Amino acid sequence: MAAQNETTKTIIEHFYHWEKVQPNKVFLRQPKGDQWHTITYAEAGQAARKMTTSLRTKGLNQGDHIGILSKNCYHWILADLAIMMGGFVSVPYYASLPKGQLKEVVKLSDIKALFIGKLDSWGDKSEAIPSDVLAIKFPQYEGAATVTIGENWDDLIANNPPATDNFVPDLDDLWTIKFTSGTTGTPKGVMHIHRTPGLIMENEEKTNWIGIYNIPEVRCLSFLPLNHVGERLGLEVPVITRGGMISFAESLETFAKNLQDTQPTMFFAVPRIWTKFYLGVIAKMPEKKLDFLLKIPIIGSMTKNKLRTALGMRDIRIAATGAAITPAFIKNFYKKLDIHLIEAYGMTEVCGSMTNSPDPNSPQDSVGKAIPFGEVKIHPETDEILMKSPYMMTGYYKNPEKTAEVLINDWMHSGDRGTIDKDGYVRVIGRVKDAFKTSKGSYVTPNPMEEILMKNDYIEQVCVAGLGIPQPIALVNLSEVGLAADKAAVEAALIESIQLANKDRAKFEQISTIIVQKEPWSEDNGLLTPTLKVKRGKIDDRYLGNYLEWHEAADKVIWV
């Protein structure tokens, strides 16, 4: 392991450095229509320093917990800087939390103040905020919900002088409490200290593992939830450490344009986003035609450059994917465009990645090798992936029992099943608890079959289920391509996908029926997490009563 010594710099120290040496460089960019509002390092520093003074004036003390409830925007970053400048502890939440879940995590996290910002809905969420919590609302973003409680950010900035001290937290002070996305059960507050993000970047500079220090200008578009470990450690931390620039997306509708306008050098997205880009390309140019064009020397280069620019990937140097496993065929598609998708496999508890695949020759069905100074091994009895690194959580906040369940003899139990080959490449088979028992008493692991089905361009989301019935069934949402296609063609393609998924499988694990769901799965209806992962338990809760009827139906494809 790398020596964890006092040379490690905290993230806020890196910000102080850039605030001093490049005060006029643009740090943050917020879009509004065709215009971009820019904030320099000096301007960001002044605003954050004034907010730090405001918090201190309101009676908050070093070590107090402060929540952030907002979609990504430049005020999110300013609030986070103010929290670090004051020696407070950040507790960021998913902006999409409904009132009940918000109330739960607010109570669990013991916050003294809460920044409330750009949200899609507000409604009665004020009831989830205790009256003794200081609420501060960001300025109103166009199209965002109107927040009905809290003091105004702009008023506090206008009425308080900037903090003049460059406070530096102790490396072992608590930096953040990050709540897990809650695919199962109650969210848990993962505690990380200031040493961890600083050491991650220090070791990246030493090892050049991902190549962040090779990029002349770190330029990113931030749209995945900033409270998620992937966006925080894969974007905010490296940008501040390298003195780079963060742009934001105005809305889902403007995302593609904002990405094109930014042309980032570093980009992190979940597999669902990479898949959507892929489907958008092949909807306009079938893959066979694209493959043909790419083989023609000059035409191929022009086609590649045109597609990369249209995707917003013209200048991309590091393209990362994570939060769920990326299908090999998606990685292969981007490879044709000279875009190598680096898999980031890990968890909140290890502060981001535990394995990566920076080598373009990494096997496409793997998630790469263990990070420098990290170790991965497979449990001999359960095949569970176990992890150890210098970046482990200090525990779950106020929950030593849950901590002891997953952190055993300094090894983090991931909950994932997997393998490691002789070259050190890790492959994830699926969640230990994803396997379900059929009525025949046999266990089925759904993930390998789902990956095969996901190769079908007509499918956007898939969940292989079958708890308590003789054989599995597959529930799917159609992609935009599938929704626009002829129904008979879609059915034929789905049946072909079932046959491929069932090949060489025992009868008990063969998919009997594929069910096309009319209702899209989303975060709003509780079937997807904020990082677009399917909540299997919620799928079972909603549709379990139909499983046997669907399995016994005469048709191979059922539309509901």
Protein backbone atom coordinates (compact mmCIF):
# COMPACT_ATOMS: atom_id res chain seq x y z
CA MET A 1 0.00 0.00 0.00
CA ALA A 2 1.05 3.58 -0.58
CA ALA A 3 2.33 5.38 2.45
CA GLN A 4 -0.47 7.45 3.92
CA ASN A 5 1.69 10.35 5.05
CA GLU A 6 1.17 14.01 5.68
CA THR A 7 2.25 15.02 2.16
CA THR A 8 -1.23 14.11 0.94
CA LYS A 9 -3.19 17.25 0.07
CA THR A 10 -6.89 17.64 0.75
CA ILE A 11 -9.16 18.62 -2.12
CA ILE A 12 -9.80 22.07 -0.69
CA GLU A 13 -6.03 22.75 -0.62
CA HIS A 14 -5.93 22.07 -4.35
CA PHE A 15 -8.75 24.56 -4.82
CA TYR A 16 -6.89 27.23 -2.81
CA HIS A 17 -3.89 26.69 -5.10
CA TRP A 18 -5.82 27.21 -8.33
CA GLU A 19 -7.80 30.10 -6.85
CA LYS A 20 -4.45 31.84 -6.31
CA VAL A 21 -2.50 30.89 -9.46
CA GLN A 22 -5.28 31.02 -12.08
CA PRO A 23 -7.98 33.29 -10.61
CA ASN A 24 -9.38 34.32 -14.00
CA LYS A 25 -9.64 30.84 -15.51
CA VAL A 26 -13.20 29.58 -16.04
CA PHE A 27 -14.02 26.90 -13.46
CA LEU A 28 -17.80 26.38 -13.83
CA ARG A 29 -20.17 26.80 -16.80
CA GLN A 30 -23.96 26.79 -16.45
CA PRO A 31 -26.11 26.78 -19.61
CA LYS A 32 -29.31 28.71 -20.22
CA GLY A 33 -30.59 28.25 -23.74
CA ASP A 34 -27.76 29.08 -26.13
CA GLN A 35 -25.87 31.07 -23.50
CA TRP A 36 -23.34 29.89 -20.92
CA HIS A 37 -22.92 31.63 -17.57
CA THR A 38 -19.28 31.25 -16.51
CA ILE A 39 -17.70 31.39 -13.05
CA THR A 40 -13.94 31.79 -12.65
CA TYR A 41 -11.85 30.26 -9.89
CA ALA A 42 -11.67 33.64 -8.15
CA GLU A 43 -15.44 34.16 -8.38
CA ALA A 44 -16.13 30.64 -7.11
CA GLY A 45 -13.71 31.20 -4.24
CA GLN A 46 -15.33 34.49 -3.23
CA ALA A 47 -18.86 33.05 -3.29
CA ALA A 48 -17.84 29.95 -1.32
CA ARG A 49 -15.91 32.03 1.22
CA LYS A 50 -18.93 34.29 1.78
CA MET A 51 -21.15 31.27 2.28
CA THR A 52 -18.65 29.83 4.77
CA THR A 53 -18.91 33.07 6.76
CA SER A 54 -22.71 32.85 6.56
CA LEU A 55 -22.70 29.34 7.98
CA ARG A 56 -20.36 30.31 10.79
CA THR A 57 -22.49 33.38 11.56
CA LYS A 58 -25.55 31.15 11.78
CA GLY A 59 -23.84 29.18 14.55
CA LEU A 60 -22.49 26.18 12.69
CA ASN A 61 -19.26 24.75 14.00
CA GLN A 62 -16.44 22.69 12.53
CA GLY A 63 -17.56 19.07 12.20
CA ASP A 64 -21.27 19.87 11.83
CA HIS A 65 -23.07 17.97 9.07
CA ILE A 66 -24.54 19.94 6.15
CA GLY A 67 -26.80 18.37 3.53
CA ILE A 68 -27.06 19.16 -0.18
CA LEU A 69 -30.33 18.40 -1.97
CA SER A 70 -30.08 19.48 -5.60
CA LYS A 71 -29.56 18.31 -9.13
CA ASN A 72 -26.19 19.15 -10.62
CA CYS A 73 -25.56 22.86 -11.07
CA TYR A 74 -22.77 25.29 -10.31
CA HIS A 75 -24.25 26.16 -6.90
CA TRP A 76 -23.82 22.50 -5.89
CA ILE A 77 -20.06 22.84 -6.32
CA LEU A 78 -19.98 26.24 -4.57
CA ALA A 79 -21.91 24.79 -1.61
CA ASP A 80 -19.50 21.86 -1.42
CA LEU A 81 -16.51 24.22 -1.43
CA ALA A 82 -18.08 26.31 1.34
CA ILE A 83 -18.63 23.18 3.42
CA MET A 84 -14.98 22.15 3.06
CA MET A 85 -13.74 25.69 3.72
CA GLY A 86 -15.59 25.73 7.03
CA GLY A 87 -14.48 22.30 8.18
CA PHE A 88 -18.03 20.99 7.96
CA VAL A 89 -19.07 17.54 6.75
CA SER A 90 -20.98 17.27 3.48
CA VAL A 91 -24.00 14.96 3.28
CA PRO A 92 -25.26 15.01 -0.31
CA TYR A 93 -28.60 13.40 -1.17
CA TYR A 94 -30.22 12.19 -4.38
CA ALA A 95 -32.27 15.11 -5.69
CA SER A 96 -35.08 12.78 -6.72
CA LEU A 97 -35.86 11.44 -3.24
CA PRO A 98 -39.57 11.45 -2.43
CA LYS A 99 -40.68 12.97 0.87
CA GLY A 100 -40.66 9.72 2.87
CA GLN A 101 -37.15 8.69 1.84
CA LEU A 102 -35.85 12.25 2.22
CA LYS A 103 -37.21 12.37 5.76
CA GLU A 104 -35.49 9.06 6.48
CA VAL A 105 -32.00 10.08 5.31
CA VAL A 106 -32.24 13.57 6.84
CA LYS A 107 -33.01 11.95 10.21
CA LEU A 108 -30.24 9.37 9.78
CA SER A 109 -27.57 11.94 8.94
CA ASP A 110 -27.92 14.48 11.79
CA ILE A 111 -27.59 17.56 9.58
CA LYS A 112 -27.58 21.05 11.07
CA ALA A 113 -28.14 22.80 7.71
CA LEU A 114 -29.40 21.89 4.25
CA PHE A 115 -28.73 23.47 0.87
CA ILE A 116 -31.80 23.04 -1.35
CA GLY A 117 -31.42 23.73 -5.04
CA LYS A 118 -32.39 22.72 -8.53
CA LEU A 119 -35.20 20.15 -8.20
CA ASP A 120 -37.83 18.68 -10.50
CA SER A 121 -40.49 18.76 -7.77
CA TRP A 122 -40.94 20.17 -4.29
CA GLY A 123 -44.56 19.71 -3.19
CA ASP A 124 -44.73 18.86 0.50
CA LYS A 125 -41.06 17.95 0.96
CA SER A 126 -40.68 20.78 3.47
CA GLU A 127 -42.40 18.39 5.90
CA ALA A 128 -39.31 16.15 5.68
CA ILE A 129 -37.03 18.94 6.97
CA PRO A 130 -37.00 19.46 10.77
CA SER A 131 -37.63 23.03 11.88
CA ASP A 132 -34.25 23.25 13.66
CA VAL A 133 -32.35 22.57 10.41
CA LEU A 134 -31.09 25.74 8.71
CA ALA A 135 -32.40 25.65 5.12
CA ILE A 136 -30.66 27.65 2.39
CA LYS A 137 -32.15 27.68 -1.10
CA PHE A 138 -30.17 28.22 -4.28
CA PRO A 139 -31.32 30.93 -6.71
CA GLN A 140 -34.25 29.81 -8.86
CA TYR A 141 -33.22 27.81 -11.95
CA GLU A 142 -35.52 28.14 -14.95
CA GLY A 143 -37.82 25.15 -15.20
CA ALA A 144 -37.01 23.94 -11.67
CA ALA A 145 -39.53 23.58 -8.87
CA THR A 146 -40.06 26.52 -6.51
CA VAL A 147 -38.71 25.73 -3.04
CA THR A 148 -40.95 27.23 -0.38
CA ILE A 149 -38.61 27.21 2.62
CA GLY A 150 -35.16 28.48 3.46
CA GLU A 151 -33.05 31.60 3.36
CA ASN A 152 -31.90 32.89 -0.02
CA TRP A 153 -28.40 32.03 -1.16
CA ASP A 154 -27.96 35.41 -2.89
CA ASP A 155 -28.99 37.34 0.24
CA LEU A 156 -26.48 35.48 2.41
CA ILE A 157 -23.73 36.03 -0.17
CA ALA A 158 -24.55 39.75 -0.39
CA ASN A 159 -24.66 40.29 3.39
CA ASN A 160 -21.52 38.45 4.51
CA PRO A 161 -17.81 39.11 3.91
CA PRO A 162 -15.61 36.35 2.50
CA ALA A 163 -13.78 34.13 4.97
CA THR A 164 -10.11 35.11 4.79
CA ASP A 165 -8.61 32.00 6.37
CA ASN A 166 -7.61 29.07 4.20
CA PHE A 167 -8.88 26.40 6.56
CA VAL A 168 -7.29 22.99 5.98
CA PRO A 169 -9.00 19.99 7.57
CA ASP A 170 -7.02 17.25 9.22
CA LEU A 171 -6.54 14.31 6.85
CA ASP A 172 -8.40 12.04 9.25
CA ASP A 173 -11.34 14.42 9.71
CA LEU A 174 -14.65 13.24 8.27
CA TRP A 175 -15.05 14.59 4.73
CA THR A 176 -18.44 13.27 3.67
CA ILE A 177 -21.28 10.89 4.40
CA LYS A 178 -22.53 9.40 1.14
CA PHE A 179 -25.80 7.50 1.21
CA THR A 180 -26.04 4.39 -0.93
CA SER A 181 -28.67 4.39 -3.69
CA GLY A 182 -30.76 1.83 -1.84
CA THR A 183 -31.25 -0.92 -4.44
CA THR A 184 -32.16 -3.01 -1.41
CA GLY A 185 -33.37 -1.88 1.99
CA THR A 186 -32.61 1.26 3.95
CA PRO A 187 -29.88 3.54 2.57
CA LYS A 188 -26.66 3.46 4.60
CA GLY A 189 -24.44 6.48 5.25
CA VAL A 190 -20.92 5.68 4.07
CA MET A 191 -18.26 7.71 5.91
CA HIS A 192 -15.06 8.84 4.16
CA ILE A 193 -12.26 11.01 5.53
CA HIS A 194 -10.41 13.86 3.76
CA ARG A 195 -7.32 11.70 3.27
CA THR A 196 -9.16 9.40 0.86
CA PRO A 197 -9.88 11.65 -2.18
CA GLY A 198 -6.51 13.34 -1.71
CA LEU A 199 -4.68 10.01 -1.66
CA ILE A 200 -6.62 8.73 -4.68
CA MET A 201 -5.36 11.67 -6.74
CA GLU A 202 -1.85 11.49 -5.26
CA ASN A 203 -1.60 7.82 -6.26
CA GLU A 204 -3.05 8.57 -9.70
CA GLU A 205 -0.26 11.07 -10.28
CA LYS A 206 2.34 8.52 -9.13
CA THR A 207 1.04 5.57 -11.17
CA ASN A 208 -0.67 7.20 -14.17
CA TRP A 209 -3.26 4.42 -13.85
CA ILE A 210 -6.15 6.18 -15.61
CA GLY A 211 -4.11 8.92 -17.29
CA ILE A 212 -5.76 11.96 -15.71
CA TYR A 213 -2.43 13.76 -15.43
CA ASN A 214 -1.75 13.20 -19.16
CA ILE A 215 -4.64 15.47 -20.15
CA PRO A 216 -3.51 19.06 -20.86
CA GLU A 217 -6.94 20.42 -19.95
CA VAL A 218 -9.46 18.52 -17.81
CA ARG A 219 -12.84 19.52 -19.22
CA CYS A 220 -16.00 17.70 -18.11
CA LEU A 221 -19.77 17.76 -18.42
CA SER A 222 -21.48 16.89 -15.14
CA PHE A 223 -24.91 15.27 -15.32
CA LEU A 224 -24.81 12.05 -13.28
CA PRO A 225 -25.88 12.78 -9.67
CA LEU A 226 -23.02 14.62 -7.95
CA ASN A 227 -23.83 12.89 -4.68
CA HIS A 228 -22.98 9.54 -6.31
CA VAL A 229 -19.44 8.32 -5.67
CA GLY A 230 -18.79 7.92 -9.40
CA GLU A 231 -19.47 11.56 -10.29
CA ARG A 232 -17.88 12.97 -7.15
CA LEU A 233 -14.63 10.98 -7.45
CA GLY A 234 -14.63 10.66 -11.22
CA LEU A 235 -15.37 14.31 -11.98
CA GLU A 236 -15.49 16.86 -9.15
CA VAL A 237 -12.35 15.65 -7.37
CA PRO A 238 -10.09 15.33 -10.47
CA VAL A 239 -11.30 18.65 -11.92
CA ILE A 240 -10.51 20.54 -8.71
CA THR A 241 -7.21 18.72 -8.26
CA ARG A 242 -6.10 19.46 -11.84
CA GLY A 243 -7.55 22.99 -12.02
CA GLY A 244 -9.97 22.02 -14.78
CA MET A 245 -13.46 23.07 -15.82
CA ILE A 246 -16.94 21.66 -15.14
CA SER A 247 -19.90 22.35 -17.42
CA PHE A 248 -23.45 21.34 -16.56
CA ALA A 249 -26.47 20.15 -18.52
CA GLU A 250 -29.49 22.44 -18.42
CA SER A 251 -32.04 19.64 -18.74
CA LEU A 252 -32.57 16.17 -20.16
CA GLU A 253 -33.85 17.75 -23.37
CA THR A 254 -30.73 19.91 -23.84
CA PHE A 255 -28.24 17.28 -22.65
CA ALA A 256 -27.04 16.27 -26.14
CA LYS A 257 -26.53 19.90 -27.19
CA ASN A 258 -24.78 20.81 -23.93
CA LEU A 259 -22.46 17.84 -24.42
CA GLN A 260 -21.69 18.90 -28.01
CA ASP A 261 -20.99 22.46 -26.84
CA THR A 262 -18.63 21.20 -24.13
CA GLN A 263 -16.72 18.50 -26.08
CA PRO A 264 -15.23 17.17 -22.83
CA THR A 265 -11.79 15.65 -22.53
CA MET A 266 -13.04 13.40 -19.72
CA PHE A 267 -16.51 11.88 -19.59
CA PHE A 268 -18.13 9.42 -17.20
CA ALA A 269 -21.52 7.84 -17.90
CA VAL A 270 -23.51 4.80 -16.83
CA PRO A 271 -23.95 1.98 -19.39
CA ARG A 272 -27.53 3.05 -20.09
CA ILE A 273 -26.27 6.41 -21.45
CA TRP A 274 -23.58 4.79 -23.62
CA THR A 275 -26.24 2.41 -24.93
CA LYS A 276 -28.60 5.30 -25.74
CA PHE A 277 -25.84 7.00 -27.74
CA TYR A 278 -25.22 3.72 -29.58
CA LEU A 279 -28.92 3.27 -30.37
CA GLY A 280 -29.11 6.86 -31.60
CA VAL A 281 -26.24 6.26 -34.03
CA ILE A 282 -27.50 2.96 -35.46
CA ALA A 283 -31.03 4.36 -35.82
CA LYS A 284 -29.58 6.75 -38.40
CA MET A 285 -26.89 4.46 -39.77
CA PRO A 286 -27.24 0.66 -39.48
CA GLU A 287 -24.16 -0.95 -37.96
CA LYS A 288 -23.34 -2.96 -41.11
CA LYS A 289 -23.23 0.24 -43.16
CA LEU A 290 -21.14 1.97 -40.50
CA ASP A 291 -18.68 -0.95 -40.41
CA PHE A 292 -18.37 -0.77 -44.19
CA LEU A 293 -17.70 3.00 -44.17
CA LEU A 294 -15.14 2.74 -41.37
CA LYS A 295 -13.07 0.30 -43.43
CA ILE A 296 -12.58 2.82 -46.26
CA PRO A 297 -9.34 4.74 -45.46
CA ILE A 298 -10.29 8.43 -45.92
CA ILE A 299 -14.07 8.01 -45.67
CA GLY A 300 -13.63 5.95 -42.49
CA SER A 301 -11.62 8.67 -40.79
CA MET A 302 -14.13 11.37 -41.81
CA THR A 303 -17.07 9.24 -40.62
CA LYS A 304 -15.36 8.56 -37.31
CA ASN A 305 -14.61 12.25 -36.69
CA LYS A 306 -18.12 13.29 -37.67
CA LEU A 307 -19.72 10.78 -35.30
CA ARG A 308 -17.40 11.64 -32.43
CA THR A 309 -18.15 15.35 -32.81
CA ALA A 310 -21.91 14.72 -33.03
CA LEU A 311 -21.72 12.64 -29.86
CA GLY A 312 -19.74 15.38 -28.07
CA MET A 313 -16.69 13.08 -28.00
CA ARG A 314 -14.40 14.95 -30.43
CA ASP A 315 -11.74 15.73 -27.80
CA ILE A 316 -12.32 12.79 -25.47
CA ARG A 317 -9.19 11.44 -23.79
CA ILE A 318 -10.77 9.43 -20.97
CA ALA A 319 -14.18 7.81 -21.42
CA ALA A 320 -15.39 5.93 -18.37
CA THR A 321 -18.37 3.70 -17.69
CA GLY A 322 -19.63 2.30 -14.41
CA ALA A 323 -22.37 1.95 -11.74
CA ALA A 324 -23.52 -1.18 -13.61
CA ILE A 325 -21.68 -3.66 -15.82
CA THR A 326 -21.28 -2.51 -19.43
CA PRO A 327 -22.11 -5.13 -22.09
CA ALA A 328 -19.13 -6.19 -24.21
CA PHE A 329 -20.90 -5.32 -27.48
CA ILE A 330 -21.27 -1.69 -26.36
CA LYS A 331 -17.54 -1.48 -25.62
CA ASN A 332 -16.78 -3.02 -29.02
CA PHE A 333 -18.96 -0.44 -30.79
CA TYR A 334 -17.11 2.51 -29.26
CA LYS A 335 -13.77 0.89 -29.98
CA LYS A 336 -14.61 1.31 -33.68
CA LEU A 337 -14.72 5.06 -33.05
CA ASP A 338 -11.37 4.95 -31.21
CA ILE A 339 -13.14 5.49 -27.91
CA HIS A 340 -11.96 3.04 -25.26
CA LEU A 341 -14.55 2.73 -22.48
CA ILE A 342 -12.69 2.33 -19.20
CA GLU A 343 -14.79 0.24 -16.84
CA ALA A 344 -15.00 1.56 -13.28
CA TYR A 345 -16.14 -1.25 -11.01
CA GLY A 346 -16.40 -0.55 -7.30
CA MET A 347 -18.78 0.75 -4.68
CA THR A 348 -19.40 3.70 -2.41
CA GLU A 349 -17.77 1.84 0.47
CA VAL A 350 -14.36 1.80 -1.30
CA CYS A 351 -14.78 5.40 -2.52
CA GLY A 352 -15.22 4.57 -6.18
CA SER A 353 -13.27 2.16 -8.33
CA MET A 354 -11.84 -1.13 -7.15
CA THR A 355 -10.98 -2.32 -10.65
CA ASN A 356 -10.46 -0.47 -13.93
CA SER A 357 -9.66 -1.38 -17.52
CA PRO A 358 -7.42 1.46 -18.79
CA ASP A 359 -5.59 -0.95 -21.10
CA PRO A 360 -7.40 -0.97 -24.50
CA ASN A 361 -6.53 -4.66 -24.77
CA SER A 362 -8.45 -5.58 -21.62
CA PRO A 363 -10.94 -8.41 -22.25
CA GLN A 364 -14.25 -6.77 -23.14
CA ASP A 365 -16.21 -9.04 -20.81
CA SER A 366 -14.09 -8.05 -17.81
CA VAL A 367 -14.12 -5.02 -15.51
CA GLY A 368 -10.34 -4.81 -15.64
CA LYS A 369 -7.74 -5.33 -12.93
CA ALA A 370 -7.43 -4.20 -9.32
CA ILE A 371 -6.41 -0.56 -8.88
CA PRO A 372 -2.84 0.25 -7.74
CA PHE A 373 -2.41 -0.48 -4.02
CA GLY A 374 -5.70 -2.40 -4.03
CA GLU A 375 -6.47 -6.10 -3.80
CA VAL A 376 -9.35 -8.20 -5.07
CA LYS A 377 -10.00 -11.85 -4.28
CA ILE A 378 -12.84 -14.35 -4.64
CA HIS A 379 -14.48 -15.98 -1.61
CA PRO A 380 -13.75 -19.72 -2.00
CA GLU A 381 -17.24 -20.84 -0.97
CA THR A 382 -19.64 -18.18 -2.28
CA ASP A 383 -17.63 -16.74 -5.23
CA GLU A 384 -18.25 -13.29 -3.73
CA ILE A 385 -15.82 -10.54 -4.80
CA LEU A 386 -13.87 -9.23 -1.80
CA MET A 387 -11.99 -5.90 -1.86
CA LYS A 388 -9.25 -4.15 0.07
CA SER A 389 -7.65 -0.76 -0.63
CA PRO A 390 -6.30 2.38 1.09
CA TYR A 391 -9.62 4.07 0.32
CA MET A 392 -12.01 2.04 2.46
CA MET A 393 -14.84 3.71 4.34
CA THR A 394 -14.39 4.23 8.07
CA GLY A 395 -17.84 2.61 8.44
CA TYR A 396 -21.55 3.25 8.09
CA TYR A 397 -22.65 6.30 10.07
CA LYS A 398 -24.07 5.22 13.44
CA ASN A 399 -24.46 1.65 12.20
CA PRO A 400 -21.61 -0.54 13.49
CA GLU A 401 -23.72 -3.68 13.07
CA LYS A 402 -24.11 -3.19 9.30
CA THR A 403 -20.45 -2.18 9.06
CA ALA A 404 -19.42 -5.45 10.70
CA GLU A 405 -21.56 -7.41 8.23
CA VAL A 406 -19.65 -6.17 5.17
CA LEU A 407 -16.22 -5.22 6.50
CA ILE A 408 -14.67 -8.44 7.79
CA ASN A 409 -10.96 -8.73 8.62
CA ASP A 410 -10.29 -5.56 6.57
CA TRP A 411 -11.96 -7.06 3.48
CA MET A 412 -15.02 -5.40 1.98
CA HIS A 413 -17.68 -7.91 0.93
CA SER A 414 -19.09 -6.53 -2.31
CA GLY A 415 -22.24 -8.64 -2.64
CA ASP A 416 -21.19 -9.43 -6.23
CA ARG A 417 -20.25 -12.86 -7.54
CA GLY A 418 -17.29 -13.06 -9.87
CA THR A 419 -14.08 -14.65 -11.09
CA ILE A 420 -10.44 -13.59 -11.51
CA ASP A 421 -8.39 -15.10 -14.32
CA LYS A 422 -4.66 -15.89 -14.29
CA ASP A 423 -3.85 -12.42 -15.67
CA GLY A 424 -5.76 -10.68 -12.87
CA TYR A 425 -8.82 -9.66 -14.90
CA VAL A 426 -12.03 -9.59 -12.87
CA ARG A 427 -15.36 -10.67 -14.30
CA VAL A 428 -18.64 -9.94 -12.51
CA ILE A 429 -21.27 -12.68 -12.82
CA GLY A 430 -24.01 -10.93 -10.90
CA ARG A 431 -25.22 -10.08 -7.44
CA VAL A 432 -25.01 -12.85 -4.84
CA LYS A 433 -28.63 -12.10 -3.93
CA ASP A 434 -29.84 -11.69 -7.53
CA ALA A 435 -30.10 -15.45 -7.95
CA PHE A 436 -33.68 -16.64 -7.45
CA LYS A 437 -35.18 -20.05 -6.76
CA THR A 438 -37.71 -21.49 -9.22
CA SER A 439 -40.64 -23.66 -8.12
CA LYS A 440 -38.48 -26.66 -9.06
CA GLY A 441 -36.07 -25.73 -6.27
CA SER A 442 -33.25 -24.70 -8.63
CA TYR A 443 -31.38 -21.41 -8.46
CA VAL A 444 -31.11 -19.20 -11.56
CA THR A 445 -28.51 -16.43 -12.03
CA PRO A 446 -30.19 -13.86 -14.31
CA ASN A 447 -27.30 -11.57 -15.24
CA PRO A 448 -25.62 -13.61 -18.03
CA MET A 449 -28.97 -14.05 -19.80
CA GLU A 450 -29.76 -10.35 -19.45
CA GLU A 451 -26.47 -9.41 -21.08
CA ILE A 452 -27.36 -11.55 -24.12
CA LEU A 453 -30.84 -10.02 -24.36
CA MET A 454 -29.40 -6.50 -24.09
CA LYS A 455 -27.59 -7.03 -27.42
CA ASN A 456 -31.00 -6.70 -29.07
CA ASP A 457 -31.29 -3.09 -30.30
CA TYR A 458 -35.03 -3.16 -29.65
CA ILE A 459 -34.51 -3.61 -25.89
CA GLU A 460 -33.82 -0.69 -23.55
CA GLN A 461 -34.13 -2.38 -20.14
CA VAL A 462 -34.41 -6.03 -19.15
CA CYS A 463 -35.04 -7.98 -15.98
CA VAL A 464 -34.98 -11.79 -15.98
CA ALA A 465 -37.25 -12.95 -13.14
CA GLY A 466 -38.99 -16.12 -12.08
CA LEU A 467 -39.28 -16.40 -8.32
CA GLY A 468 -41.53 -19.37 -7.53
CA ILE A 469 -42.38 -20.41 -11.11
CA PRO A 470 -40.93 -23.37 -13.06
CA GLN A 471 -38.73 -21.33 -15.42
CA PRO A 472 -37.51 -17.75 -15.79
CA ILE A 473 -39.33 -15.09 -17.76
CA ALA A 474 -37.88 -11.84 -19.13
CA LEU A 475 -39.56 -8.47 -18.61
CA VAL A 476 -38.40 -5.75 -21.01
CA ASN A 477 -38.85 -2.11 -21.91
CA LEU A 478 -38.42 -1.35 -25.61
CA SER A 479 -35.86 1.18 -26.82
CA GLU A 480 -36.79 4.09 -29.09
CA VAL A 481 -35.70 1.89 -31.99
CA GLY A 482 -38.02 -0.88 -30.82
CA LEU A 483 -40.96 1.44 -30.27
CA ALA A 484 -40.63 2.76 -33.82
CA ALA A 485 -40.24 -0.66 -35.44
CA ASP A 486 -42.89 -2.98 -36.88
CA LYS A 487 -44.47 -5.11 -34.13
CA ALA A 488 -43.99 -8.38 -36.04
CA ALA A 489 -40.30 -7.58 -36.61
CA VAL A 490 -39.85 -6.81 -32.91
CA GLU A 491 -41.50 -10.10 -31.89
CA ALA A 492 -39.31 -12.09 -34.27
CA ALA A 493 -36.17 -10.40 -32.94
CA LEU A 494 -37.21 -10.98 -29.32
CA ILE A 495 -37.85 -14.67 -29.94
CA GLU A 496 -34.44 -14.96 -31.57
CA SER A 497 -32.88 -13.31 -28.50
CA ILE A 498 -34.62 -15.80 -26.19
CA GLN A 499 -33.22 -18.67 -28.25
CA LEU A 500 -29.71 -17.22 -27.97
CA ALA A 501 -30.05 -16.70 -24.22
CA ASN A 502 -31.38 -20.26 -23.74
CA LYS A 503 -28.67 -21.94 -25.79
CA ASP A 504 -26.78 -24.63 -23.85
CA ARG A 505 -28.80 -24.01 -20.69
CA ALA A 506 -30.65 -26.58 -18.61
CA LYS A 507 -34.43 -26.59 -19.03
CA PHE A 508 -35.04 -25.08 -15.58
CA GLU A 509 -33.02 -21.94 -16.43
CA GLN A 510 -34.35 -21.38 -19.95
CA ILE A 511 -36.51 -18.28 -20.46
CA SER A 512 -40.04 -19.37 -21.34
CA THR A 513 -41.62 -16.01 -22.18
CA ILE A 514 -40.66 -12.43 -22.85
CA ILE A 515 -43.03 -9.74 -21.58
CA VAL A 516 -42.97 -6.33 -23.24
CA GLN A 517 -43.93 -3.72 -20.65
CA LYS A 518 -45.85 -0.71 -21.91
CA GLU A 519 -45.04 1.32 -18.79
CA PRO A 520 -41.41 2.53 -18.92
CA TRP A 521 -39.40 1.69 -15.82
CA SER A 522 -38.12 4.83 -14.19
CA GLU A 523 -36.89 6.33 -10.97
CA ASP A 524 -40.28 8.01 -10.57
CA ASN A 525 -42.20 4.72 -10.44
CA GLY A 526 -39.61 3.16 -8.18
CA LEU A 527 -38.33 0.52 -10.58
CA LEU A 528 -34.92 2.11 -11.30
CA THR A 529 -32.30 3.59 -8.99
CA PRO A 530 -31.01 7.14 -9.64
CA THR A 531 -28.10 5.50 -11.50
CA LEU A 532 -30.60 3.64 -13.75
CA LYS A 533 -30.09 0.17 -12.28
CA VAL A 534 -33.14 -2.10 -12.16
CA LYS A 535 -34.57 -2.69 -8.69
CA ARG A 536 -35.24 -6.43 -8.89
CA GLY A 537 -37.10 -6.55 -5.61
CA LYS A 538 -39.49 -3.83 -6.77
CA ILE A 539 -40.05 -5.63 -10.09
CA ASP A 540 -40.98 -8.74 -8.11
CA ASP A 541 -43.22 -6.73 -5.78
CA ARG A 542 -45.14 -5.24 -8.68
CA TYR A 543 -45.44 -8.15 -11.09
CA LEU A 544 -45.00 -11.37 -9.05
CA GLY A 545 -48.73 -12.12 -9.19
CA ASN A 546 -48.54 -12.31 -12.99
CA TYR A 547 -45.43 -14.48 -13.30
CA LEU A 548 -47.14 -17.89 -13.47
CA GLU A 549 -49.81 -16.70 -15.94
CA TRP A 550 -47.14 -15.20 -18.19
CA HIS A 551 -45.01 -18.34 -17.97
CA GLU A 552 -47.91 -20.61 -18.93
CA ALA A 553 -49.12 -18.43 -21.82
CA ALA A 554 -49.09 -19.98 -25.29
CA ASP A 555 -47.34 -16.97 -26.84
CA LYS A 556 -43.60 -16.56 -26.50
CA VAL A 557 -43.98 -12.75 -26.54
CA ILE A 558 -46.64 -11.03 -24.45
CA TRP A 559 -47.46 -7.33 -24.71
CA VAL A 560 -48.85 -5.77 -21.52
